[in-house]
Amino acid sequence: MTYVVTDGCIRCKYTDCVEVCPVDCFYAGENMLVINPDECIDCGVCEAECPAEAILPDADPRAEEWLALNRDYSEQWPNMTRKIDAPPDADSFKGEADKFKKYFSPNPHS
């Protein structure tokens, strides 16, 4: 089992999860984070820390469509090992549905 980040993270990009991850398996895109499923040790501490509730265990049926995206982009984006400030408008995107089609950026964190 592993954990995955879903589109709930897009445009929110809170990094509370990064701060608690004991194996630094988060990778940062321009407007979301992903988890490298091969590095995740399935501890689950990140799930509880996500204010956007965007992290799910891969056993959750809603996580299936996000596993490949997490794997692919964790190989392209830079590793994030410390908490940074969320975007100033993050709270206004929290809970919005279908954010992937509207806002996803394949660009890495800069």
N, C-alpha and C. Protein backbone atom coordinates (compact mmCIF):
# COMPACT_ATOMS: atom_id res chain seq x y z
N MET A 1 0.84 -1.18 0.00
CA MET A 1 0.00 0.00 0.00
C MET A 1 0.89 1.25 0.00
N THR A 2 0.36 2.29 -0.58
CA THR A 2 1.01 3.58 -0.59
C THR A 2 -0.06 4.66 -0.47
N TYR A 3 0.34 5.86 -0.35
CA TYR A 3 -0.59 6.99 -0.33
C TYR A 3 -0.40 7.79 -1.60
N VAL A 4 -1.46 8.45 -2.05
CA VAL A 4 -1.41 9.27 -3.25
C VAL A 4 -2.05 10.62 -2.97
N VAL A 5 -1.60 11.61 -3.73
CA VAL A 5 -2.19 12.94 -3.66
C VAL A 5 -3.17 13.06 -4.81
N THR A 6 -4.35 13.58 -4.52
CA THR A 6 -5.40 13.74 -5.53
C THR A 6 -5.51 15.20 -5.95
N ASP A 7 -6.46 15.48 -6.82
CA ASP A 7 -6.62 16.86 -7.32
C ASP A 7 -7.08 17.84 -6.25
N GLY A 8 -7.44 17.34 -5.08
CA GLY A 8 -7.78 18.24 -3.98
C GLY A 8 -6.62 19.15 -3.60
N CYS A 9 -5.41 18.75 -3.96
CA CYS A 9 -4.21 19.54 -3.65
C CYS A 9 -4.01 20.70 -4.63
N ILE A 10 -4.53 20.58 -5.82
CA ILE A 10 -4.28 21.58 -6.86
C ILE A 10 -4.77 22.95 -6.42
N ARG A 11 -3.91 23.92 -6.57
CA ARG A 11 -4.11 25.33 -6.22
C ARG A 11 -4.17 25.57 -4.71
N CYS A 12 -4.14 24.51 -3.90
CA CYS A 12 -4.05 24.66 -2.45
C CYS A 12 -2.59 24.51 -2.05
N LYS A 13 -2.01 23.39 -2.43
CA LYS A 13 -0.58 23.10 -2.21
C LYS A 13 -0.11 23.46 -0.81
N TYR A 14 -0.89 23.01 0.17
CA TYR A 14 -0.44 23.11 1.55
C TYR A 14 0.70 22.10 1.70
N THR A 15 1.68 22.40 2.48
CA THR A 15 2.81 21.48 2.61
C THR A 15 2.96 20.94 4.03
N ASP A 16 1.89 20.94 4.78
CA ASP A 16 1.91 20.37 6.13
C ASP A 16 2.34 18.89 6.07
N CYS A 17 1.92 18.21 5.02
CA CYS A 17 2.23 16.80 4.83
C CYS A 17 3.74 16.57 4.66
N VAL A 18 4.38 17.47 3.95
CA VAL A 18 5.81 17.37 3.70
C VAL A 18 6.58 17.41 5.01
N GLU A 19 6.13 18.28 5.89
CA GLU A 19 6.81 18.48 7.17
C GLU A 19 6.84 17.22 8.03
N VAL A 20 5.81 16.39 7.94
CA VAL A 20 5.73 15.21 8.81
C VAL A 20 6.21 13.93 8.15
N CYS A 21 6.49 13.95 6.86
CA CYS A 21 6.90 12.74 6.15
C CYS A 21 8.29 12.28 6.60
N PRO A 22 8.39 11.07 7.14
CA PRO A 22 9.69 10.61 7.63
C PRO A 22 10.66 10.17 6.54
N VAL A 23 10.18 10.01 5.30
CA VAL A 23 11.06 9.53 4.22
C VAL A 23 11.18 10.51 3.05
N ASP A 24 10.66 11.70 3.20
CA ASP A 24 10.78 12.74 2.16
C ASP A 24 10.35 12.24 0.78
N CYS A 25 9.15 11.69 0.68
CA CYS A 25 8.69 11.13 -0.59
C CYS A 25 7.75 12.07 -1.36
N PHE A 26 7.72 13.36 -0.98
CA PHE A 26 6.88 14.33 -1.69
C PHE A 26 7.68 15.07 -2.76
N TYR A 27 7.01 15.32 -3.87
CA TYR A 27 7.60 16.04 -5.00
C TYR A 27 6.66 17.17 -5.37
N ALA A 28 7.24 18.30 -5.78
CA ALA A 28 6.45 19.52 -5.93
C ALA A 28 6.34 19.99 -7.37
N GLY A 29 5.11 20.16 -7.77
CA GLY A 29 4.81 20.80 -9.04
C GLY A 29 4.49 22.26 -8.80
N GLU A 30 4.19 22.93 -9.86
CA GLU A 30 3.87 24.36 -9.78
C GLU A 30 2.69 24.62 -8.86
N ASN A 31 1.65 23.75 -8.92
CA ASN A 31 0.48 24.04 -8.09
C ASN A 31 -0.08 22.84 -7.33
N MET A 32 0.71 21.77 -7.20
CA MET A 32 0.30 20.63 -6.37
C MET A 32 1.52 19.80 -6.00
N LEU A 33 1.30 18.87 -5.10
CA LEU A 33 2.32 17.92 -4.67
C LEU A 33 1.94 16.52 -5.14
N VAL A 34 2.91 15.63 -5.22
CA VAL A 34 2.66 14.21 -5.46
C VAL A 34 3.55 13.41 -4.53
N ILE A 35 3.21 12.14 -4.38
CA ILE A 35 3.98 11.20 -3.56
C ILE A 35 4.61 10.17 -4.49
N ASN A 36 5.88 9.88 -4.27
CA ASN A 36 6.51 8.79 -5.01
C ASN A 36 6.07 7.49 -4.34
N PRO A 37 5.27 6.66 -5.03
CA PRO A 37 4.74 5.46 -4.38
C PRO A 37 5.80 4.42 -4.04
N ASP A 38 6.95 4.48 -4.71
CA ASP A 38 8.02 3.54 -4.39
C ASP A 38 8.81 3.94 -3.16
N GLU A 39 8.72 5.21 -2.78
CA GLU A 39 9.43 5.70 -1.60
C GLU A 39 8.55 5.75 -0.36
N CYS A 40 7.24 5.84 -0.55
CA CYS A 40 6.29 5.93 0.56
C CYS A 40 6.36 4.64 1.39
N ILE A 41 6.41 4.80 2.71
CA ILE A 41 6.48 3.64 3.60
C ILE A 41 5.12 3.33 4.24
N ASP A 42 4.08 3.96 3.74
CA ASP A 42 2.71 3.66 4.17
C ASP A 42 2.42 3.97 5.63
N CYS A 43 3.11 4.96 6.17
CA CYS A 43 2.89 5.27 7.59
C CYS A 43 1.58 6.03 7.81
N GLY A 44 1.15 6.80 6.81
CA GLY A 44 -0.13 7.49 6.90
C GLY A 44 -0.15 8.81 7.65
N VAL A 45 0.98 9.26 8.17
CA VAL A 45 0.96 10.51 8.93
C VAL A 45 0.59 11.71 8.05
N CYS A 46 0.92 11.65 6.78
CA CYS A 46 0.63 12.77 5.88
C CYS A 46 -0.87 12.97 5.67
N GLU A 47 -1.61 11.88 5.63
CA GLU A 47 -3.05 11.96 5.35
C GLU A 47 -3.75 12.85 6.38
N ALA A 48 -3.44 12.67 7.62
CA ALA A 48 -4.09 13.43 8.70
C ALA A 48 -3.67 14.90 8.70
N GLU A 49 -2.52 15.21 8.14
CA GLU A 49 -1.99 16.58 8.17
C GLU A 49 -2.47 17.43 7.00
N CYS A 50 -3.10 16.84 6.01
CA CYS A 50 -3.49 17.59 4.81
C CYS A 50 -4.77 18.39 5.04
N PRO A 51 -4.68 19.73 5.08
CA PRO A 51 -5.87 20.55 5.30
C PRO A 51 -6.90 20.43 4.18
N ALA A 52 -6.45 20.05 2.98
CA ALA A 52 -7.36 19.93 1.84
C ALA A 52 -7.94 18.53 1.71
N GLU A 53 -7.54 17.62 2.59
CA GLU A 53 -7.98 16.22 2.54
C GLU A 53 -7.75 15.63 1.16
N ALA A 54 -6.57 15.91 0.60
CA ALA A 54 -6.22 15.50 -0.75
C ALA A 54 -5.37 14.23 -0.81
N ILE A 55 -5.06 13.64 0.33
CA ILE A 55 -4.22 12.45 0.36
C ILE A 55 -5.06 11.25 0.76
N LEU A 56 -4.92 10.18 -0.04
CA LEU A 56 -5.69 8.96 0.20
C LEU A 56 -4.78 7.74 0.14
N PRO A 57 -5.13 6.68 0.88
CA PRO A 57 -4.39 5.43 0.71
C PRO A 57 -4.79 4.82 -0.63
N ASP A 58 -3.87 4.11 -1.27
CA ASP A 58 -4.20 3.57 -2.59
C ASP A 58 -5.28 2.48 -2.54
N ALA A 59 -5.61 2.00 -1.36
CA ALA A 59 -6.70 1.03 -1.22
C ALA A 59 -8.07 1.69 -1.39
N ASP A 60 -8.12 3.00 -1.27
CA ASP A 60 -9.37 3.74 -1.46
C ASP A 60 -9.67 3.78 -2.97
N PRO A 61 -10.86 3.39 -3.38
CA PRO A 61 -11.19 3.37 -4.81
C PRO A 61 -11.00 4.72 -5.51
N ARG A 62 -11.13 5.81 -4.77
CA ARG A 62 -10.94 7.15 -5.37
C ARG A 62 -9.48 7.42 -5.70
N ALA A 63 -8.57 6.66 -5.13
CA ALA A 63 -7.14 6.89 -5.32
C ALA A 63 -6.59 6.27 -6.61
N GLU A 64 -7.29 5.30 -7.14
CA GLU A 64 -6.78 4.54 -8.28
C GLU A 64 -6.37 5.43 -9.46
N GLU A 65 -7.19 6.39 -9.80
CA GLU A 65 -6.89 7.24 -10.96
C GLU A 65 -5.70 8.17 -10.72
N TRP A 66 -5.27 8.34 -9.47
CA TRP A 66 -4.18 9.27 -9.15
C TRP A 66 -2.83 8.60 -8.99
N LEU A 67 -2.80 7.28 -8.90
CA LEU A 67 -1.55 6.57 -8.67
C LEU A 67 -0.55 6.80 -9.80
N ALA A 68 -0.97 6.67 -11.04
CA ALA A 68 -0.05 6.86 -12.17
C ALA A 68 0.45 8.30 -12.23
N LEU A 69 -0.42 9.27 -11.97
CA LEU A 69 0.00 10.67 -11.98
C LEU A 69 1.06 10.91 -10.91
N ASN A 70 0.85 10.37 -9.72
CA ASN A 70 1.82 10.52 -8.64
C ASN A 70 3.16 9.89 -9.04
N ARG A 71 3.11 8.70 -9.60
CA ARG A 71 4.34 8.01 -10.01
C ARG A 71 5.06 8.82 -11.09
N ASP A 72 4.35 9.22 -12.12
CA ASP A 72 4.96 9.93 -13.25
C ASP A 72 5.59 11.26 -12.85
N TYR A 73 4.84 12.07 -12.13
CA TYR A 73 5.35 13.39 -11.79
C TYR A 73 6.38 13.37 -10.66
N SER A 74 6.37 12.33 -9.82
CA SER A 74 7.42 12.25 -8.80
C SER A 74 8.77 11.97 -9.45
N GLU A 75 8.76 11.49 -10.67
CA GLU A 75 10.01 11.27 -11.41
C GLU A 75 10.46 12.51 -12.17
N GLN A 76 9.59 13.51 -12.27
CA GLN A 76 9.89 14.71 -13.04
C GLN A 76 10.08 15.96 -12.18
N TRP A 77 9.38 16.03 -11.08
CA TRP A 77 9.38 17.22 -10.24
C TRP A 77 10.45 17.11 -9.14
N PRO A 78 10.86 18.26 -8.59
CA PRO A 78 11.86 18.23 -7.51
C PRO A 78 11.28 17.72 -6.19
N ASN A 79 12.15 17.09 -5.45
CA ASN A 79 11.79 16.59 -4.13
C ASN A 79 11.58 17.78 -3.19
N MET A 80 10.54 17.70 -2.37
CA MET A 80 10.27 18.75 -1.39
C MET A 80 10.43 18.13 -0.01
N THR A 81 11.26 18.74 0.81
CA THR A 81 11.57 18.16 2.12
C THR A 81 11.23 19.07 3.29
N ARG A 82 10.73 20.26 2.99
CA ARG A 82 10.37 21.16 4.09
C ARG A 82 9.09 21.91 3.75
N LYS A 83 8.43 22.35 4.78
CA LYS A 83 7.19 23.09 4.63
C LYS A 83 7.47 24.49 4.09
N ILE A 84 6.63 24.92 3.16
CA ILE A 84 6.68 26.29 2.66
C ILE A 84 5.29 26.89 2.82
N ASP A 85 5.18 28.18 2.65
CA ASP A 85 3.87 28.82 2.75
C ASP A 85 2.98 28.39 1.59
N ALA A 86 1.72 28.17 1.90
CA ALA A 86 0.73 27.87 0.86
C ALA A 86 0.48 29.13 0.04
N PRO A 87 0.00 28.97 -1.18
CA PRO A 87 -0.34 30.16 -1.97
C PRO A 87 -1.33 31.03 -1.19
N PRO A 88 -1.28 32.35 -1.37
CA PRO A 88 -2.15 33.24 -0.61
C PRO A 88 -3.65 32.97 -0.82
N ASP A 89 -4.00 32.44 -1.99
CA ASP A 89 -5.42 32.17 -2.29
C ASP A 89 -5.80 30.70 -2.10
N ALA A 90 -4.96 29.92 -1.44
CA ALA A 90 -5.18 28.48 -1.29
C ALA A 90 -6.54 28.15 -0.69
N ASP A 91 -6.93 28.86 0.35
CA ASP A 91 -8.20 28.55 1.01
C ASP A 91 -9.41 28.72 0.09
N SER A 92 -9.31 29.60 -0.89
CA SER A 92 -10.45 29.82 -1.80
C SER A 92 -10.63 28.64 -2.77
N PHE A 93 -9.61 27.77 -2.92
CA PHE A 93 -9.72 26.61 -3.80
C PHE A 93 -9.97 25.32 -3.04
N LYS A 94 -9.87 25.38 -1.73
CA LYS A 94 -10.07 24.20 -0.88
C LYS A 94 -11.49 23.69 -1.03
N GLY A 95 -11.61 22.41 -1.36
CA GLY A 95 -12.93 21.79 -1.49
C GLY A 95 -13.57 21.92 -2.85
N GLU A 96 -12.95 22.66 -3.76
CA GLU A 96 -13.51 22.79 -5.11
C GLU A 96 -13.39 21.46 -5.83
N ALA A 97 -14.42 21.08 -6.57
CA ALA A 97 -14.43 19.82 -7.30
C ALA A 97 -13.80 19.97 -8.69
N ASP A 98 -13.34 18.85 -9.22
CA ASP A 98 -12.84 18.77 -10.60
C ASP A 98 -11.76 19.80 -10.91
N LYS A 99 -10.81 19.93 -10.04
CA LYS A 99 -9.75 20.92 -10.24
C LYS A 99 -8.72 20.51 -11.28
N PHE A 100 -8.58 19.23 -11.55
CA PHE A 100 -7.56 18.78 -12.48
C PHE A 100 -7.74 19.40 -13.87
N LYS A 101 -8.90 19.28 -14.43
CA LYS A 101 -9.16 19.80 -15.78
C LYS A 101 -9.05 21.32 -15.83
N LYS A 102 -9.37 21.97 -14.76
CA LYS A 102 -9.37 23.43 -14.74
C LYS A 102 -7.99 24.03 -14.50
N TYR A 103 -7.21 23.41 -13.59
CA TYR A 103 -6.02 24.10 -13.09
C TYR A 103 -4.70 23.34 -13.12
N PHE A 104 -4.70 22.04 -13.37
CA PHE A 104 -3.45 21.28 -13.26
C PHE A 104 -2.35 21.86 -14.13
N SER A 105 -1.16 21.96 -13.57
CA SER A 105 0.02 22.39 -14.32
C SER A 105 1.07 21.27 -14.24
N PRO A 106 1.62 20.86 -15.38
CA PRO A 106 2.68 19.85 -15.37
C PRO A 106 4.05 20.45 -15.04
N ASN A 107 4.13 21.73 -14.85
CA ASN A 107 5.40 22.41 -14.58
C ASN A 107 5.89 22.10 -13.17
N PRO A 108 7.21 22.00 -12.99
CA PRO A 108 7.76 21.76 -11.66
C PRO A 108 7.68 23.00 -10.78
N HIS A 109 7.80 22.79 -9.49
CA HIS A 109 7.88 23.88 -8.52
C HIS A 109 9.14 24.71 -8.82
N SER A 110 8.98 26.00 -8.73
CA SER A 110 10.17 26.83 -8.98
C SER A 110 10.53 27.62 -7.75
